[in-house]
Amino acid sequence: RTPRPRPTGRERHEEKITVYVSAEELFALEHARLELRGEHGLAVDRGRIVREAVAVVLADLEQRGEASILVRRLRGR
């Protein structure tokens, strides 16, 4: 298995997907962005947070497989 690349941060991305989220999910994402800025001094946009979160989940899937958080959550456990 090859390691997954780290998210790239603020740079032009050639590929795009559209993801629909609930109002609560969008609020939580915005709250996380403000917390990262206010509590941790990290000025990042929501896209960066999403790319980092995807990278973390995919790395966990790669490393842990069946025991990964993604598999467990998708199975409802």
N, C-alpha and C. Protein backbone atom coordinates (compact mmCIF):
# COMPACT_ATOMS: atom_id res chain seq x y z
N ARG A 1 0.83 -1.19 0.00
CA ARG A 1 0.00 0.00 0.00
C ARG A 1 0.87 1.25 0.00
N THR A 2 0.47 2.21 -0.78
CA THR A 2 1.22 3.46 -0.81
C THR A 2 0.55 4.48 0.10
N PRO A 3 1.35 5.29 0.79
CA PRO A 3 0.76 6.30 1.68
C PRO A 3 -0.01 7.33 0.88
N ARG A 4 -1.08 7.82 1.46
CA ARG A 4 -1.90 8.85 0.82
C ARG A 4 -1.19 10.20 0.93
N PRO A 5 -1.27 11.02 -0.11
CA PRO A 5 -0.66 12.35 -0.02
C PRO A 5 -1.40 13.22 0.98
N ARG A 6 -0.66 14.11 1.61
CA ARG A 6 -1.27 15.05 2.54
C ARG A 6 -2.07 16.08 1.75
N PRO A 7 -3.13 16.64 2.34
CA PRO A 7 -3.87 17.68 1.65
C PRO A 7 -2.96 18.87 1.36
N THR A 8 -3.27 19.57 0.33
CA THR A 8 -2.35 20.57 -0.17
C THR A 8 -2.52 21.97 0.39
N GLY A 9 -3.62 22.24 1.08
CA GLY A 9 -3.79 23.57 1.64
C GLY A 9 -4.23 24.58 0.61
N ARG A 10 -3.75 25.83 0.75
CA ARG A 10 -4.21 26.91 -0.12
C ARG A 10 -3.40 26.97 -1.39
N GLU A 11 -3.89 26.27 -2.36
CA GLU A 11 -3.33 26.33 -3.70
C GLU A 11 -4.45 26.00 -4.67
N ARG A 12 -4.22 26.27 -5.91
CA ARG A 12 -5.25 25.99 -6.91
C ARG A 12 -5.40 24.48 -7.08
N HIS A 13 -6.63 24.02 -7.03
CA HIS A 13 -6.93 22.61 -7.22
C HIS A 13 -7.63 22.43 -8.55
N GLU A 14 -7.21 21.45 -9.29
CA GLU A 14 -7.76 21.21 -10.62
C GLU A 14 -9.05 20.39 -10.59
N GLU A 15 -9.25 19.62 -9.57
CA GLU A 15 -10.43 18.76 -9.49
C GLU A 15 -11.42 19.33 -8.48
N LYS A 16 -12.70 19.03 -8.72
CA LYS A 16 -13.74 19.56 -7.85
C LYS A 16 -14.84 18.53 -7.68
N ILE A 17 -15.39 18.47 -6.47
CA ILE A 17 -16.60 17.69 -6.23
C ILE A 17 -17.59 18.61 -5.51
N THR A 18 -18.85 18.29 -5.60
CA THR A 18 -19.87 19.02 -4.88
C THR A 18 -20.40 18.10 -3.80
N VAL A 19 -20.44 18.62 -2.59
CA VAL A 19 -20.95 17.85 -1.46
C VAL A 19 -22.03 18.68 -0.80
N TYR A 20 -23.17 18.07 -0.60
CA TYR A 20 -24.27 18.76 0.08
C TYR A 20 -24.24 18.37 1.55
N VAL A 21 -24.39 19.36 2.41
CA VAL A 21 -24.39 19.14 3.85
C VAL A 21 -25.63 19.77 4.44
N SER A 22 -25.99 19.31 5.62
CA SER A 22 -27.13 19.89 6.33
C SER A 22 -26.73 21.23 6.93
N ALA A 23 -27.71 21.99 7.35
CA ALA A 23 -27.44 23.27 8.01
C ALA A 23 -26.61 23.05 9.27
N GLU A 24 -26.89 21.98 9.99
CA GLU A 24 -26.15 21.68 11.22
C GLU A 24 -24.70 21.34 10.91
N GLU A 25 -24.48 20.58 9.85
CA GLU A 25 -23.10 20.23 9.47
C GLU A 25 -22.33 21.47 9.03
N LEU A 26 -22.98 22.34 8.28
CA LEU A 26 -22.33 23.58 7.84
C LEU A 26 -22.02 24.47 9.04
N PHE A 27 -22.94 24.55 9.99
CA PHE A 27 -22.71 25.32 11.21
C PHE A 27 -21.53 24.75 11.99
N ALA A 28 -21.46 23.43 12.10
CA ALA A 28 -20.35 22.79 12.83
C ALA A 28 -19.02 23.05 12.14
N LEU A 29 -19.03 23.02 10.82
CA LEU A 29 -17.81 23.29 10.06
C LEU A 29 -17.35 24.73 10.26
N GLU A 30 -18.28 25.65 10.21
CA GLU A 30 -17.95 27.06 10.44
C GLU A 30 -17.49 27.28 11.87
N HIS A 31 -18.12 26.62 12.82
CA HIS A 31 -17.70 26.72 14.23
C HIS A 31 -16.26 26.21 14.38
N ALA A 32 -15.95 25.09 13.73
CA ALA A 32 -14.58 24.55 13.78
C ALA A 32 -13.59 25.55 13.19
N ARG A 33 -13.96 26.19 12.07
CA ARG A 33 -13.08 27.17 11.45
C ARG A 33 -12.80 28.33 12.41
N LEU A 34 -13.84 28.82 13.06
CA LEU A 34 -13.67 29.92 14.00
C LEU A 34 -12.87 29.50 15.24
N GLU A 35 -13.09 28.28 15.71
CA GLU A 35 -12.33 27.76 16.85
C GLU A 35 -10.85 27.61 16.49
N LEU A 36 -10.58 27.09 15.30
CA LEU A 36 -9.18 26.96 14.86
C LEU A 36 -8.50 28.32 14.82
N ARG A 37 -9.22 29.33 14.36
CA ARG A 37 -8.65 30.67 14.30
C ARG A 37 -8.51 31.28 15.69
N GLY A 38 -9.58 31.23 16.48
CA GLY A 38 -9.59 31.89 17.79
C GLY A 38 -8.76 31.20 18.85
N GLU A 39 -8.87 29.89 18.91
CA GLU A 39 -8.21 29.13 19.98
C GLU A 39 -6.82 28.64 19.62
N HIS A 40 -6.56 28.47 18.32
CA HIS A 40 -5.30 27.84 17.91
C HIS A 40 -4.48 28.69 16.96
N GLY A 41 -4.99 29.87 16.62
CA GLY A 41 -4.24 30.77 15.74
C GLY A 41 -4.06 30.27 14.32
N LEU A 42 -4.98 29.43 13.85
CA LEU A 42 -4.88 28.86 12.50
C LEU A 42 -5.96 29.47 11.62
N ALA A 43 -5.56 30.28 10.67
CA ALA A 43 -6.50 30.90 9.74
C ALA A 43 -6.64 30.02 8.51
N VAL A 44 -7.64 29.15 8.53
CA VAL A 44 -7.87 28.23 7.42
C VAL A 44 -9.31 28.36 6.95
N ASP A 45 -9.53 28.03 5.68
CA ASP A 45 -10.89 28.08 5.17
C ASP A 45 -11.56 26.71 5.34
N ARG A 46 -12.86 26.69 5.08
CA ARG A 46 -13.60 25.43 5.27
C ARG A 46 -13.10 24.34 4.34
N GLY A 47 -12.70 24.70 3.13
CA GLY A 47 -12.17 23.70 2.21
C GLY A 47 -10.93 23.01 2.75
N ARG A 48 -10.07 23.78 3.38
CA ARG A 48 -8.86 23.20 3.97
C ARG A 48 -9.21 22.23 5.09
N ILE A 49 -10.18 22.62 5.91
CA ILE A 49 -10.61 21.73 7.00
C ILE A 49 -11.15 20.43 6.42
N VAL A 50 -11.97 20.53 5.39
CA VAL A 50 -12.54 19.33 4.77
C VAL A 50 -11.44 18.46 4.16
N ARG A 51 -10.48 19.07 3.46
CA ARG A 51 -9.39 18.28 2.87
C ARG A 51 -8.56 17.57 3.94
N GLU A 52 -8.29 18.26 5.05
CA GLU A 52 -7.55 17.64 6.15
C GLU A 52 -8.34 16.50 6.77
N ALA A 53 -9.65 16.70 6.96
CA ALA A 53 -10.49 15.66 7.55
C ALA A 53 -10.55 14.44 6.64
N VAL A 54 -10.67 14.66 5.35
CA VAL A 54 -10.68 13.54 4.40
C VAL A 54 -9.36 12.79 4.46
N ALA A 55 -8.25 13.52 4.51
CA ALA A 55 -6.93 12.88 4.58
C ALA A 55 -6.80 12.02 5.84
N VAL A 56 -7.28 12.52 6.96
CA VAL A 56 -7.20 11.78 8.22
C VAL A 56 -8.02 10.50 8.14
N VAL A 57 -9.24 10.61 7.64
CA VAL A 57 -10.12 9.44 7.56
C VAL A 57 -9.57 8.41 6.58
N LEU A 58 -9.06 8.85 5.44
CA LEU A 58 -8.50 7.91 4.47
C LEU A 58 -7.23 7.24 4.99
N ALA A 59 -6.41 7.97 5.72
CA ALA A 59 -5.21 7.38 6.31
C ALA A 59 -5.60 6.32 7.35
N ASP A 60 -6.63 6.62 8.15
CA ASP A 60 -7.10 5.66 9.13
C ASP A 60 -7.65 4.41 8.45
N LEU A 61 -8.38 4.58 7.36
CA LEU A 61 -8.89 3.44 6.60
C LEU A 61 -7.73 2.61 6.06
N GLU A 62 -6.74 3.27 5.52
CA GLU A 62 -5.57 2.58 4.96
C GLU A 62 -4.84 1.77 6.04
N GLN A 63 -4.69 2.36 7.21
CA GLN A 63 -3.94 1.72 8.29
C GLN A 63 -4.74 0.65 9.02
N ARG A 64 -6.01 0.92 9.27
CA ARG A 64 -6.77 0.05 10.16
C ARG A 64 -7.81 -0.80 9.45
N GLY A 65 -8.12 -0.49 8.21
CA GLY A 65 -9.07 -1.30 7.45
C GLY A 65 -10.41 -1.46 8.14
N GLU A 66 -10.76 -2.69 8.40
CA GLU A 66 -12.04 -3.03 9.02
C GLU A 66 -12.29 -2.30 10.34
N ALA A 67 -11.23 -2.02 11.08
CA ALA A 67 -11.37 -1.35 12.38
C ALA A 67 -11.36 0.17 12.26
N SER A 68 -11.27 0.69 11.06
CA SER A 68 -11.19 2.15 10.88
C SER A 68 -12.49 2.83 11.31
N ILE A 69 -12.37 4.08 11.67
CA ILE A 69 -13.54 4.86 12.08
C ILE A 69 -14.54 4.97 10.94
N LEU A 70 -14.06 5.07 9.71
CA LEU A 70 -14.96 5.19 8.56
C LEU A 70 -15.81 3.94 8.39
N VAL A 71 -15.20 2.77 8.42
CA VAL A 71 -15.95 1.52 8.29
C VAL A 71 -16.94 1.40 9.44
N ARG A 72 -16.50 1.68 10.65
CA ARG A 72 -17.38 1.55 11.81
C ARG A 72 -18.57 2.51 11.72
N ARG A 73 -18.32 3.75 11.33
CA ARG A 73 -19.42 4.73 11.23
C ARG A 73 -20.38 4.38 10.10
N LEU A 74 -19.84 3.93 8.96
CA LEU A 74 -20.72 3.58 7.85
C LEU A 74 -21.55 2.34 8.17
N ARG A 75 -21.05 1.50 9.04
CA ARG A 75 -21.80 0.33 9.47
C ARG A 75 -22.73 0.64 10.64
N GLY A 76 -22.66 1.87 11.15
CA GLY A 76 -23.53 2.27 12.25
C GLY A 76 -23.07 1.83 13.62
N ARG A 77 -21.76 1.56 13.75
CA ARG A 77 -21.23 1.14 15.06
C ARG A 77 -20.44 2.23 15.72
